[in-house]
Amino acid sequence: MDTQKIKKDFPIFSRRVKGKQIVYFDNAATSQKPKQVIDAIVDYYTNHNANIYRGAHTLSDESGNMYEKARKDIASFINATKNELVFVKNSTEALNLVMNSWGMENIKKGDKIVVSKMEHHANLIPWQVLCKIKKAKLEYMNFNEEGLIPESEYDKIKGAKFVGLVHVSNVLGTVNPVKKFCALAKKEGAISLIDSSQGVPHLPVDVRDIGCDFLAFTGHKMLGPMGIGGLYMKKEIGKNLNPFLYGGGMIESVDFYDSIWAETPKRFEAGTPDVAGVVGLQEAVKYLKKVGLKKIMNHENKLIEHTLQKFEKINKIKLYGPLKNRSGVISFTFDGWNVRDLADKLNKKCIAVRAGTHCAQPLHRHLGIGGTCRASYYMYNSIEEIDKMIQILRGL
């Protein structure tokens, strides 16, 4: 992959800090944005801005058409229909929507909810809260020293009412076999949810093939703007759920003492939507399709392989997560260094990484550590950039 050519599409890489180009290894937190996405947002606000659906004028019609066309394109990106895609502000809101709409109505006292110990807080705390309210049971699938969920843990799905699993761990880089877990959940009559925040930006994702009931993703990790994301909701499930938020836009009709909800997905999109964000995300999807998810995945695999080979030669580094079948999320510790001090050392050389627990405190407690330093890659990163980081680490 020609990373220098790709970089030219990203205005932020023309910036220099102390004369140096930024090496951006914080993509698991948020990705950078190509000019095509930025231009699409500017064009929307410059030429089309209006509230959608009910305005009896050209701008409103244009905005509404753009919004629904974007829904169709973004849904198609994960092989969903447009009526199965709910727009949310991020994956966190998507996961909370499922908890409040499906969970509150369907989880009863004594029911079992199963998640893993590698979940982001956004797919852990909502189920903690729900189980406390409903007096349900929350059970965790453990992961082993390789960062994988062993088959011996699969039995925990038996008797479950709900199974929630991260597609790709934002700490370990583990790519979970989500299709297998969804099949196990279905066998038990359980509802399945996949948090694909780190999956959709980096891997070809097909909700039909995975067989999940819900799948969450967020735009800002896949070249899109912050403040917009998506929730895939299987059609037959969505039509029977009550809304998470109430107000304008999510109703069919309202009387003084009763209301009738709109059809899915509108019933879950109360209030004025982020039309510009949706248009920006649509453009991000176009960009990803143009580059190709398989090409992106193969490029990142080369970066991962190179990093692991280099890390193997530095005795002071401890890597967390599997050595094979993993994503470009590289979490590590370095003997004698606090992870935040290490990140600051790299930052002084214009290399952007992240340090801490990455919204996964229970995972780090399970590992017996207080935090990790994390480098996370994307299509515009190169082996040369990795070597710059390695050179600094070797010198410590």
Protein backbone atom coordinates (compact mmCIF):
# COMPACT_ATOMS: atom_id res chain seq x y z
CA MET A 1 0.00 0.00 0.00
CA ASP A 2 1.33 3.43 -0.97
CA THR A 3 1.08 5.14 2.42
CA GLN A 4 2.70 8.36 1.20
CA LYS A 5 0.03 8.71 -1.50
CA ILE A 6 -2.71 8.01 1.05
CA LYS A 7 -1.21 10.52 3.49
CA LYS A 8 -1.71 13.27 0.91
CA ASP A 9 -5.47 12.86 1.40
CA PHE A 10 -5.14 13.65 5.11
CA PRO A 11 -4.51 17.36 5.82
CA ILE A 12 -3.21 16.74 9.35
CA PHE A 13 -0.13 14.99 7.99
CA SER A 14 0.99 18.21 6.31
CA ARG A 15 1.41 19.68 9.78
CA ARG A 16 4.89 19.80 11.26
CA VAL A 17 5.76 19.85 14.96
CA LYS A 18 9.27 21.14 15.55
CA GLY A 19 9.93 20.47 11.89
CA LYS A 20 8.80 16.84 12.05
CA GLN A 21 5.78 15.08 10.56
CA ILE A 22 3.54 13.50 13.17
CA VAL A 23 3.68 9.72 13.43
CA TYR A 24 0.12 8.90 14.44
CA PHE A 25 -0.21 5.59 16.28
CA ASP A 26 -3.42 6.36 18.20
CA ASN A 27 -5.96 5.05 15.71
CA ALA A 28 -7.77 2.81 18.20
CA ALA A 29 -8.80 6.00 19.98
CA THR A 30 -9.74 7.89 16.82
CA SER A 31 -8.62 7.91 13.21
CA GLN A 32 -7.56 10.91 11.19
CA LYS A 33 -9.92 12.32 8.53
CA PRO A 34 -9.30 12.55 4.78
CA LYS A 35 -10.04 15.78 2.95
CA GLN A 36 -12.93 14.04 1.17
CA VAL A 37 -14.75 13.67 4.51
CA ILE A 38 -13.91 17.20 5.62
CA ASP A 39 -15.04 18.63 2.26
CA ALA A 40 -18.33 16.71 2.41
CA ILE A 41 -19.14 18.18 5.82
CA VAL A 42 -18.21 21.70 4.69
CA ASP A 43 -20.30 21.31 1.54
CA TYR A 44 -23.31 20.18 3.55
CA TYR A 45 -23.20 23.20 5.88
CA THR A 46 -22.38 25.56 3.00
CA ASN A 47 -25.01 24.45 0.52
CA HIS A 48 -27.67 22.19 2.06
CA ASN A 49 -28.07 22.83 5.80
CA ALA A 50 -31.65 22.45 7.06
CA ASN A 51 -33.63 20.26 9.44
CA ILE A 52 -34.97 17.17 7.76
CA TYR A 53 -38.33 15.54 6.99
CA ARG A 54 -40.90 18.20 7.88
CA GLY A 55 -39.59 21.33 6.18
CA ALA A 56 -41.70 22.32 3.17
CA HIS A 57 -38.77 23.72 1.22
CA THR A 58 -35.89 22.71 -1.02
CA LEU A 59 -33.11 22.70 1.57
CA SER A 60 -35.06 20.44 3.90
CA ASP A 61 -35.85 18.06 1.06
CA GLU A 62 -32.21 17.98 0.03
CA SER A 63 -31.04 17.33 3.59
CA GLY A 64 -33.59 14.57 4.12
CA ASN A 65 -32.65 12.87 0.86
CA MET A 66 -28.93 13.10 1.70
CA TYR A 67 -29.55 11.64 5.15
CA GLU A 68 -31.50 8.64 3.89
CA LYS A 69 -29.14 8.02 0.94
CA ALA A 70 -26.27 7.99 3.43
CA ARG A 71 -28.16 5.52 5.61
CA LYS A 72 -28.53 3.16 2.66
CA ASP A 73 -24.83 3.42 1.72
CA ILE A 74 -23.54 2.97 5.28
CA ALA A 75 -25.90 0.05 5.94
CA SER A 76 -24.74 -1.62 2.73
CA PHE A 77 -21.14 -1.35 3.97
CA ILE A 78 -21.92 -3.98 6.64
CA ASN A 79 -24.46 -5.83 4.45
CA ALA A 80 -27.51 -4.53 6.29
CA THR A 81 -30.66 -2.94 4.89
CA LYS A 82 -31.30 0.76 5.50
CA ASN A 83 -34.18 -0.05 7.85
CA GLU A 84 -31.80 -2.03 10.06
CA LEU A 85 -29.39 0.86 10.69
CA VAL A 86 -30.01 3.27 13.56
CA PHE A 87 -27.82 6.35 13.70
CA VAL A 88 -26.35 7.10 17.12
CA LYS A 89 -23.57 9.39 18.31
CA ASN A 90 -21.10 6.53 18.93
CA SER A 91 -20.84 2.87 19.93
CA THR A 92 -21.35 3.75 23.59
CA GLU A 93 -24.78 5.18 22.83
CA ALA A 94 -25.57 2.16 20.63
CA LEU A 95 -24.76 -0.27 23.44
CA ASN A 96 -26.75 1.75 25.97
CA LEU A 97 -29.66 1.84 23.53
CA VAL A 98 -29.70 -1.97 23.43
CA MET A 99 -29.52 -2.16 27.22
CA ASN A 100 -32.33 0.35 27.74
CA SER A 101 -34.65 -0.75 24.93
CA TRP A 102 -34.09 -4.49 24.67
CA GLY A 103 -32.57 -5.23 28.08
CA MET A 104 -35.06 -3.36 30.24
CA GLU A 105 -37.97 -5.08 28.49
CA ASN A 106 -36.60 -8.61 28.22
CA ILE A 107 -34.17 -9.36 31.06
CA LYS A 108 -35.89 -10.79 34.14
CA LYS A 109 -34.81 -11.81 37.61
CA GLY A 110 -32.35 -14.72 37.45
CA ASP A 111 -31.60 -14.37 33.72
CA LYS A 112 -27.98 -14.77 32.66
CA ILE A 113 -26.02 -12.20 30.67
CA VAL A 114 -22.62 -13.26 29.32
CA VAL A 115 -19.80 -10.96 28.24
CA SER A 116 -16.01 -11.33 28.23
CA LYS A 117 -13.28 -9.96 30.47
CA MET A 118 -11.78 -8.11 27.52
CA GLU A 119 -14.74 -5.75 27.04
CA HIS A 120 -14.47 -1.98 26.76
CA HIS A 121 -16.33 -0.29 29.61
CA ALA A 122 -19.12 0.60 27.16
CA ASN A 123 -19.99 -3.09 26.74
CA LEU A 124 -19.55 -3.91 30.42
CA ILE A 125 -21.01 -1.16 32.61
CA PRO A 126 -24.48 -1.16 30.97
CA TRP A 127 -24.85 -4.88 31.76
CA GLN A 128 -23.59 -4.37 35.31
CA VAL A 129 -26.28 -1.75 35.81
CA LEU A 130 -29.00 -3.82 34.16
CA CYS A 131 -28.19 -6.90 36.27
CA LYS A 132 -28.38 -4.84 39.46
CA ILE A 133 -31.75 -3.38 38.46
CA LYS A 134 -33.22 -6.68 37.27
CA LYS A 135 -31.43 -8.96 39.77
CA ALA A 136 -30.02 -10.89 36.84
CA LYS A 137 -26.70 -12.73 36.73
CA LEU A 138 -23.65 -11.33 34.93
CA GLU A 139 -21.08 -13.94 33.91
CA TYR A 140 -17.68 -13.36 32.29
CA MET A 141 -15.78 -15.47 29.81
CA ASN A 142 -12.09 -15.44 30.72
CA PHE A 143 -9.20 -15.08 28.29
CA ASN A 144 -5.92 -16.96 28.52
CA GLU A 145 -2.29 -15.82 28.47
CA GLU A 146 -2.41 -15.58 24.68
CA GLY A 147 -5.31 -13.13 24.89
CA LEU A 148 -7.80 -15.65 23.49
CA ILE A 149 -11.09 -16.95 24.90
CA PRO A 150 -10.48 -20.72 25.20
CA GLU A 151 -13.17 -23.18 24.17
CA SER A 152 -13.51 -24.26 27.79
CA GLU A 153 -15.18 -20.88 28.42
CA TYR A 154 -17.83 -21.39 25.74
CA ASP A 155 -19.97 -23.44 28.12
CA LYS A 156 -20.77 -20.23 30.00
CA ILE A 157 -23.09 -19.32 27.13
CA LYS A 158 -25.37 -22.23 28.01
CA GLY A 159 -28.62 -20.95 29.47
CA ALA A 160 -27.80 -17.33 28.64
CA LYS A 161 -30.48 -14.83 27.67
CA PHE A 162 -27.99 -12.36 26.19
CA VAL A 163 -24.39 -12.59 24.92
CA GLY A 164 -22.33 -9.47 24.26
CA LEU A 165 -18.82 -9.66 22.83
CA VAL A 166 -16.18 -7.30 21.51
CA HIS A 167 -15.25 -8.04 17.91
CA VAL A 168 -11.66 -6.80 18.26
CA SER A 169 -10.13 -6.00 21.65
CA ASN A 170 -8.93 -2.40 21.93
CA VAL A 171 -6.17 -3.58 24.29
CA LEU A 172 -5.15 -7.09 23.28
CA GLY A 173 -5.77 -6.81 19.55
CA THR A 174 -7.61 -10.14 19.74
CA VAL A 175 -9.95 -10.77 16.81
CA ASN A 176 -12.68 -12.87 18.35
CA PRO A 177 -14.49 -15.56 16.31
CA VAL A 178 -17.76 -13.64 16.56
CA LYS A 179 -19.60 -15.82 14.05
CA LYS A 180 -19.01 -18.85 16.27
CA PHE A 181 -20.17 -17.02 19.40
CA CYS A 182 -23.34 -15.76 17.70
CA ALA A 183 -24.13 -19.30 16.56
CA LEU A 184 -23.68 -20.57 20.14
CA ALA A 185 -25.93 -17.81 21.42
CA LYS A 186 -28.61 -18.58 18.84
CA LYS A 187 -28.49 -22.26 19.81
CA GLU A 188 -29.35 -21.23 23.38
CA GLY A 189 -32.10 -18.89 22.22
CA ALA A 190 -30.03 -15.91 23.39
CA ILE A 191 -29.75 -12.49 21.78
CA SER A 192 -26.26 -11.62 20.51
CA LEU A 193 -24.56 -8.25 20.35
CA ILE A 194 -21.18 -7.47 18.80
CA ASP A 195 -19.19 -4.35 19.67
CA SER A 196 -17.36 -3.83 16.38
CA SER A 197 -15.86 -0.41 17.14
CA GLN A 198 -12.41 -1.81 16.30
CA GLY A 199 -13.73 -4.23 13.68
CA VAL A 200 -15.70 -2.26 11.09
CA PRO A 201 -12.82 0.22 10.42
CA HIS A 202 -10.25 -2.51 9.77
CA LEU A 203 -11.95 -5.74 8.62
CA PRO A 204 -14.63 -6.69 6.09
CA VAL A 205 -17.77 -6.96 8.25
CA ASP A 206 -20.95 -8.73 7.10
CA VAL A 207 -23.73 -8.83 9.69
CA ARG A 208 -25.56 -11.52 7.74
CA ASP A 209 -22.51 -13.77 7.79
CA ILE A 210 -21.78 -13.06 11.47
CA GLY A 211 -25.39 -13.84 12.37
CA CYS A 212 -25.65 -11.26 15.17
CA ASP A 213 -28.82 -9.57 16.40
CA PHE A 214 -27.10 -6.25 17.14
CA LEU A 215 -23.78 -4.76 16.02
CA ALA A 216 -22.35 -1.41 17.10
CA PHE A 217 -19.74 0.73 15.35
CA THR A 218 -18.51 4.30 15.58
CA GLY A 219 -17.68 6.73 12.79
CA HIS A 220 -14.69 8.52 14.24
CA LYS A 221 -12.56 5.34 14.26
CA MET A 222 -13.24 4.71 10.56
CA LEU A 223 -12.18 8.06 9.03
CA GLY A 224 -15.53 9.71 9.79
CA PRO A 225 -16.35 12.62 12.10
CA MET A 226 -16.78 12.40 15.84
CA GLY A 227 -20.34 12.29 17.14
CA ILE A 228 -21.82 9.78 14.70
CA GLY A 229 -22.05 6.00 14.73
CA GLY A 230 -24.35 3.16 13.90
CA LEU A 231 -26.31 0.32 15.45
CA TYR A 232 -27.32 -2.62 13.30
CA MET A 233 -30.57 -3.97 14.68
CA LYS A 234 -32.11 -7.07 13.13
CA LYS A 235 -35.44 -6.02 11.64
CA GLU A 236 -37.66 -8.49 13.50
CA ILE A 237 -36.17 -7.40 16.83
CA GLY A 238 -36.36 -3.65 16.21
CA LYS A 239 -40.04 -3.62 15.31
CA ASN A 240 -41.00 -4.93 18.74
CA LEU A 241 -38.84 -2.60 20.87
CA ASN A 242 -39.78 0.62 22.60
CA PRO A 243 -37.58 3.70 22.07
CA PHE A 244 -34.62 4.70 24.18
CA LEU A 245 -35.27 8.45 23.79
CA TYR A 246 -38.56 10.30 23.33
CA GLY A 247 -39.39 13.49 21.44
CA GLY A 248 -39.64 14.76 17.90
CA GLY A 249 -38.97 12.60 14.89
CA MET A 250 -39.55 9.22 16.54
CA ILE A 251 -43.34 9.24 16.48
CA GLU A 252 -46.08 8.34 14.05
CA SER A 253 -48.67 10.37 15.95
CA VAL A 254 -49.10 12.06 19.34
CA ASP A 255 -52.19 12.79 21.41
CA PHE A 256 -52.38 14.37 24.85
CA TYR A 257 -52.38 11.01 26.63
CA ASP A 258 -50.85 8.56 24.19
CA SER A 259 -48.40 8.26 21.30
CA ILE A 260 -47.68 5.84 18.49
CA TRP A 261 -44.03 5.24 17.62
CA ALA A 262 -42.62 5.51 14.12
CA GLU A 263 -41.21 2.45 12.40
CA THR A 264 -37.61 1.41 12.98
CA PRO A 265 -35.09 3.01 12.59
CA LYS A 266 -36.75 6.41 13.06
CA ARG A 267 -38.30 5.40 16.41
CA PHE A 268 -34.77 5.27 17.87
CA GLU A 269 -33.64 8.64 16.47
CA ALA A 270 -35.44 11.23 18.56
CA GLY A 271 -34.61 14.89 18.00
CA THR A 272 -32.67 16.68 15.30
CA PRO A 273 -30.12 14.27 13.83
CA ASP A 274 -26.49 14.99 12.99
CA VAL A 275 -27.04 15.18 9.24
CA ALA A 276 -23.57 16.59 8.55
CA GLY A 277 -22.03 13.77 10.59
CA VAL A 278 -23.99 11.18 8.63
CA VAL A 279 -22.89 12.75 5.33
CA GLY A 280 -19.30 12.74 6.58
CA LEU A 281 -19.56 9.08 7.59
CA GLN A 282 -21.01 8.23 4.17
CA GLU A 283 -17.95 9.80 2.56
CA ALA A 284 -15.67 7.85 4.93
CA VAL A 285 -17.37 4.62 3.83
CA LYS A 286 -16.82 5.57 0.19
CA TYR A 287 -13.14 6.15 0.93
CA LEU A 288 -12.77 2.82 2.73
CA LYS A 289 -14.47 0.99 -0.14
CA LYS A 290 -12.22 2.71 -2.66
CA VAL A 291 -9.05 1.67 -0.80
CA GLY A 292 -10.54 -1.75 0.02
CA LEU A 293 -10.96 -3.36 3.42
CA LYS A 294 -8.99 -6.45 2.40
CA LYS A 295 -6.08 -4.27 1.28
CA ILE A 296 -6.25 -2.34 4.56
CA MET A 297 -6.32 -5.58 6.54
CA ASN A 298 -3.37 -7.04 4.61
CA HIS A 299 -1.37 -3.83 5.03
CA GLU A 300 -2.00 -3.78 8.77
CA ASN A 301 -1.01 -7.46 9.01
CA LYS A 302 2.38 -6.55 7.53
CA LEU A 303 2.77 -3.75 10.08
CA ILE A 304 1.84 -6.14 12.90
CA GLU A 305 4.27 -8.81 11.72
CA HIS A 306 7.09 -6.27 11.46
CA THR A 307 6.36 -4.86 14.93
CA LEU A 308 6.28 -8.27 16.59
CA GLN A 309 9.57 -9.25 14.96
CA LYS A 310 11.22 -6.08 16.26
CA PHE A 311 9.68 -6.37 19.73
CA GLU A 312 10.98 -9.92 20.04
CA LYS A 313 14.54 -8.54 20.00
CA ILE A 314 13.95 -6.04 22.83
CA ASN A 315 14.04 -7.96 26.12
CA LYS A 316 12.52 -5.15 28.18
CA ILE A 317 9.26 -5.16 26.21
CA LYS A 318 6.30 -7.28 27.25
CA LEU A 319 3.59 -7.57 24.61
CA TYR A 320 -0.03 -8.33 25.49
CA GLY A 321 -2.37 -10.25 23.21
CA PRO A 322 -2.02 -13.04 20.64
CA LEU A 323 0.89 -13.41 18.24
CA LYS A 324 -1.35 -14.52 15.37
CA ASN A 325 -4.79 -13.58 14.01
CA ARG A 326 -4.70 -10.20 15.70
CA SER A 327 -5.36 -6.58 14.79
CA GLY A 328 -2.97 -3.64 14.69
CA VAL A 329 -3.53 -2.78 18.34
CA ILE A 330 -0.13 -3.22 20.01
CA SER A 331 -0.27 -2.89 23.82
CA PHE A 332 2.93 -3.31 25.76
CA THR A 333 4.90 -2.43 28.88
CA PHE A 334 8.61 -1.59 29.15
CA ASP A 335 10.70 -2.60 32.16
CA GLY A 336 11.69 0.36 34.29
CA TRP A 337 9.25 2.77 32.66
CA ASN A 338 5.85 4.04 33.69
CA VAL A 339 3.61 3.75 30.64
CA ARG A 340 2.66 7.44 30.73
CA ASP A 341 6.30 8.50 30.93
CA LEU A 342 7.04 6.19 28.02
CA ALA A 343 4.23 7.73 25.94
CA ASP A 344 5.55 11.19 26.80
CA LYS A 345 9.05 10.15 25.69
CA LEU A 346 7.66 9.05 22.32
CA ASN A 347 5.54 12.19 22.03
CA LYS A 348 8.64 14.37 22.35
CA LYS A 349 9.82 12.66 19.16
CA CYS A 350 6.42 13.36 17.50
CA ILE A 351 5.17 9.79 17.85
CA ALA A 352 1.58 9.72 19.13
CA VAL A 353 0.64 6.67 21.21
CA ARG A 354 -1.77 6.16 24.13
CA ALA A 355 -1.07 5.14 27.71
CA GLY A 356 -3.37 3.94 30.50
CA THR A 357 -6.12 1.36 30.79
CA HIS A 358 -7.91 2.32 27.54
CA CYS A 359 -11.41 2.17 29.09
CA ALA A 360 -10.74 -1.45 30.08
CA GLN A 361 -9.80 -1.39 33.76
CA PRO A 362 -11.10 -4.91 34.56
CA LEU A 363 -9.01 -6.32 31.69
CA HIS A 364 -5.84 -4.72 33.09
CA ARG A 365 -6.68 -5.94 36.60
CA HIS A 366 -7.06 -9.44 35.16
CA LEU A 367 -3.55 -9.05 33.71
CA GLY A 368 -2.25 -7.74 37.03
CA ILE A 369 -0.95 -4.44 35.63
CA GLY A 370 -1.89 -0.80 36.06
CA GLY A 371 -1.84 0.11 32.39
CA THR A 372 -0.21 -0.36 29.01
CA CYS A 373 1.33 1.75 26.29
CA ARG A 374 -0.64 1.28 23.08
CA ALA A 375 0.36 1.85 19.47
CA SER A 376 -2.49 1.27 17.03
CA TYR A 377 -2.18 1.32 13.24
CA TYR A 378 -4.20 2.24 10.18
CA MET A 379 -3.86 2.41 6.42
CA TYR A 380 -1.64 5.52 6.42
CA ASN A 381 0.98 4.06 8.79
CA SER A 382 4.22 2.58 7.47
CA ILE A 383 7.05 0.26 8.43
CA GLU A 384 9.37 3.27 8.39
CA GLU A 385 7.26 4.92 11.09
CA ILE A 386 7.33 1.77 13.19
CA ASP A 387 11.12 1.69 12.88
CA LYS A 388 11.28 5.23 14.27
CA MET A 389 9.41 4.05 17.35
CA ILE A 390 11.58 0.95 17.65
CA GLN A 391 14.76 3.03 17.47
CA ILE A 392 13.61 5.15 20.41
CA LEU A 393 12.61 2.08 22.45
CA ARG A 394 15.97 0.44 21.80
CA GLY A 395 17.71 3.50 23.16
CA LEU A 396 15.95 3.43 26.54
